[in-house]
Amino acid sequence: MSETATLIVTATPNPEEMEAVKQYLDGVVPVLMGAGGKPVKRLKIDDVIYGSPSAMALVMDFDSSDAITALFGSEEYAALIPTREKGFTEMNILVAKDM
């Protein structure tokens, strides 16, 4: 059995495409929840001390890293990619495990 994993997403919305941002978020949340995601936090980045700035972050726990990999490889998620690309200037999708 795989150990639990945490999904961390940082993103910078395209200010000229806020409707696409809304469409992506409305579409991706059910996909994440349907794959067993358990929300930990949704955050608005307040300040950047060091590194590349992002405007928002999402942290969700999953039963395994395989579950995260499968959801991002699914046809359901693939249908959201054009909207994601239009709505965000940058997005980092990371899988983390306890150290």
C-alpha atoms as a PDB file:
ATOM      1  CA  MET A   1       0.000   0.000   0.000  1.00  0.00           C
ATOM      2  CA  SER A   2       1.296   3.465  -0.862  1.00  0.00           C
ATOM      3  CA  GLU A   3       1.775   6.018   1.852  1.00  0.00           C
ATOM      4  CA  THR A   4      -0.299   9.188   1.949  1.00  0.00           C
ATOM      5  CA  ALA A   5       0.755  12.122  -0.194  1.00  0.00           C
ATOM      6  CA  THR A   6       0.102  15.843  -0.270  1.00  0.00           C
ATOM      7  CA  LEU A   7      -0.709  17.851  -3.382  1.00  0.00           C
ATOM      8  CA  ILE A   8       0.680  21.392  -3.371  1.00  0.00           C
ATOM      9  CA  VAL A   9      -0.314  23.750  -6.172  1.00  0.00           C
ATOM     10  CA  THR A  10       0.993  27.285  -6.550  1.00  0.00           C
ATOM     11  CA  ALA A  11      -0.463  29.471  -9.260  1.00  0.00           C
ATOM     12  CA  THR A  12      -0.464  32.949 -10.716  1.00  0.00           C
ATOM     13  CA  PRO A  13      -3.716  33.900 -12.466  1.00  0.00           C
ATOM     14  CA  ASN A  14      -3.679  35.797 -15.735  1.00  0.00           C
ATOM     15  CA  PRO A  15      -5.397  39.067 -14.774  1.00  0.00           C
ATOM     16  CA  GLU A  16      -6.755  39.394 -18.323  1.00  0.00           C
ATOM     17  CA  GLU A  17      -8.428  35.962 -18.164  1.00  0.00           C
ATOM     18  CA  MET A  18     -10.226  35.875 -14.812  1.00  0.00           C
ATOM     19  CA  GLU A  19     -13.253  34.112 -16.338  1.00  0.00           C
ATOM     20  CA  ALA A  20     -10.955  31.252 -17.405  1.00  0.00           C
ATOM     21  CA  VAL A  21      -9.512  31.160 -13.855  1.00  0.00           C
ATOM     22  CA  LYS A  22     -13.029  30.804 -12.448  1.00  0.00           C
ATOM     23  CA  GLN A  23     -13.945  28.118 -15.005  1.00  0.00           C
ATOM     24  CA  TYR A  24     -10.793  26.142 -14.200  1.00  0.00           C
ATOM     25  CA  LEU A  25     -11.303  26.340 -10.428  1.00  0.00           C
ATOM     26  CA  ASP A  26     -14.985  25.399 -10.771  1.00  0.00           C
ATOM     27  CA  GLY A  27     -13.998  22.392 -12.888  1.00  0.00           C
ATOM     28  CA  VAL A  28     -10.903  21.179 -11.047  1.00  0.00           C
ATOM     29  CA  VAL A  29     -12.305  21.078  -7.498  1.00  0.00           C
ATOM     30  CA  PRO A  30     -14.778  18.250  -8.258  1.00  0.00           C
ATOM     31  CA  VAL A  31     -11.989  16.309 -10.014  1.00  0.00           C
ATOM     32  CA  LEU A  32      -9.701  16.681  -6.986  1.00  0.00           C
ATOM     33  CA  MET A  33     -12.440  15.718  -4.546  1.00  0.00           C
ATOM     34  CA  GLY A  34     -13.554  12.813  -6.729  1.00  0.00           C
ATOM     35  CA  ALA A  35     -10.013  11.415  -6.605  1.00  0.00           C
ATOM     36  CA  GLY A  36     -10.153  11.374  -2.815  1.00  0.00           C
ATOM     37  CA  GLY A  37      -8.559  14.742  -2.114  1.00  0.00           C
ATOM     38  CA  LYS A  38      -9.017  16.132   1.374  1.00  0.00           C
ATOM     39  CA  PRO A  39      -8.636  19.932   1.481  1.00  0.00           C
ATOM     40  CA  VAL A  40      -6.050  21.211   3.942  1.00  0.00           C
ATOM     41  CA  LYS A  41      -5.791  24.882   2.938  1.00  0.00           C
ATOM     42  CA  ARG A  42      -6.511  27.322   0.132  1.00  0.00           C
ATOM     43  CA  LEU A  43      -4.265  30.330   0.480  1.00  0.00           C
ATOM     44  CA  LYS A  44      -3.752  33.777  -1.008  1.00  0.00           C
ATOM     45  CA  ILE A  45      -0.026  34.551  -1.026  1.00  0.00           C
ATOM     46  CA  ASP A  46       0.537  37.720   0.989  1.00  0.00           C
ATOM     47  CA  ASP A  47       4.264  38.300   0.496  1.00  0.00           C
ATOM     48  CA  VAL A  48       7.281  36.655  -1.129  1.00  0.00           C
ATOM     49  CA  ILE A  49      10.478  36.662   0.895  1.00  0.00           C
ATOM     50  CA  TYR A  50      12.481  34.674  -1.641  1.00  0.00           C
ATOM     51  CA  GLY A  51      11.686  32.898  -4.898  1.00  0.00           C
ATOM     52  CA  SER A  52       9.210  33.247  -7.711  1.00  0.00           C
ATOM     53  CA  PRO A  53       5.985  34.952  -6.711  1.00  0.00           C
ATOM     54  CA  SER A  54       2.660  33.151  -6.938  1.00  0.00           C
ATOM     55  CA  ALA A  55      -0.721  34.564  -6.047  1.00  0.00           C
ATOM     56  CA  MET A  56      -2.396  31.483  -4.598  1.00  0.00           C
ATOM     57  CA  ALA A  57      -1.683  28.054  -3.187  1.00  0.00           C
ATOM     58  CA  LEU A  58      -3.692  24.911  -2.570  1.00  0.00           C
ATOM     59  CA  VAL A  59      -2.763  22.074  -0.211  1.00  0.00           C
ATOM     60  CA  MET A  60      -4.695  18.771  -0.279  1.00  0.00           C
ATOM     61  CA  ASP A  61      -4.008  15.347   1.192  1.00  0.00           C
ATOM     62  CA  PHE A  62      -4.582  12.127  -0.779  1.00  0.00           C
ATOM     63  CA  ASP A  63      -4.390   8.463   0.135  1.00  0.00           C
ATOM     64  CA  SER A  64      -1.405   7.973  -2.185  1.00  0.00           C
ATOM     65  CA  SER A  65       0.819   9.669  -4.727  1.00  0.00           C
ATOM     66  CA  ASP A  66      -0.613   7.182  -7.262  1.00  0.00           C
ATOM     67  CA  ALA A  67      -4.059   8.745  -6.746  1.00  0.00           C
ATOM     68  CA  ILE A  68      -2.637  12.204  -7.538  1.00  0.00           C
ATOM     69  CA  THR A  69      -0.756  10.955 -10.595  1.00  0.00           C
ATOM     70  CA  ALA A  70      -3.857   9.166 -11.874  1.00  0.00           C
ATOM     71  CA  LEU A  71      -6.094  12.217 -11.526  1.00  0.00           C
ATOM     72  CA  PHE A  72      -3.689  14.471 -13.433  1.00  0.00           C
ATOM     73  CA  GLY A  73      -3.419  11.793 -16.147  1.00  0.00           C
ATOM     74  CA  SER A  74      -7.185  11.392 -16.444  1.00  0.00           C
ATOM     75  CA  GLU A  75      -9.304  12.434 -19.417  1.00  0.00           C
ATOM     76  CA  GLU A  76     -11.415  14.498 -17.033  1.00  0.00           C
ATOM     77  CA  TYR A  77      -8.395  16.593 -16.018  1.00  0.00           C
ATOM     78  CA  ALA A  78      -7.048  16.716 -19.584  1.00  0.00           C
ATOM     79  CA  ALA A  79     -10.260  18.484 -20.620  1.00  0.00           C
ATOM     80  CA  LEU A  80      -9.383  21.300 -18.159  1.00  0.00           C
ATOM     81  CA  ILE A  81      -5.850  21.902 -19.450  1.00  0.00           C
ATOM     82  CA  PRO A  82      -6.764  24.427 -22.195  1.00  0.00           C
ATOM     83  CA  THR A  83      -8.678  26.493 -19.637  1.00  0.00           C
ATOM     84  CA  ARG A  84      -5.777  26.206 -17.170  1.00  0.00           C
ATOM     85  CA  GLU A  85      -3.319  27.388 -19.814  1.00  0.00           C
ATOM     86  CA  LYS A  86      -5.536  30.354 -20.688  1.00  0.00           C
ATOM     87  CA  GLY A  87      -6.299  31.344 -17.092  1.00  0.00           C
ATOM     88  CA  PHE A  88      -2.876  31.111 -15.467  1.00  0.00           C
ATOM     89  CA  THR A  89       0.494  32.591 -16.350  1.00  0.00           C
ATOM     90  CA  GLU A  90       2.193  30.015 -14.124  1.00  0.00           C
ATOM     91  CA  MET A  91       1.175  26.914 -12.211  1.00  0.00           C
ATOM     92  CA  ASN A  92       3.301  24.470 -10.255  1.00  0.00           C
ATOM     93  CA  ILE A  93       1.746  21.106  -9.369  1.00  0.00           C
ATOM     94  CA  LEU A  94       3.788  19.276  -6.742  1.00  0.00           C
ATOM     95  CA  VAL A  95       3.459  15.973  -4.900  1.00  0.00           C
ATOM     96  CA  ALA A  96       4.996  15.789  -1.425  1.00  0.00           C
ATOM     97  CA  LYS A  97       5.398  13.119   1.240  1.00  0.00           C
ATOM     98  CA  ASP A  98       6.273  13.327   4.926  1.00  0.00           C
ATOM     99  CA  MET A  99       9.987  13.441   5.644  1.00  0.00           C
END
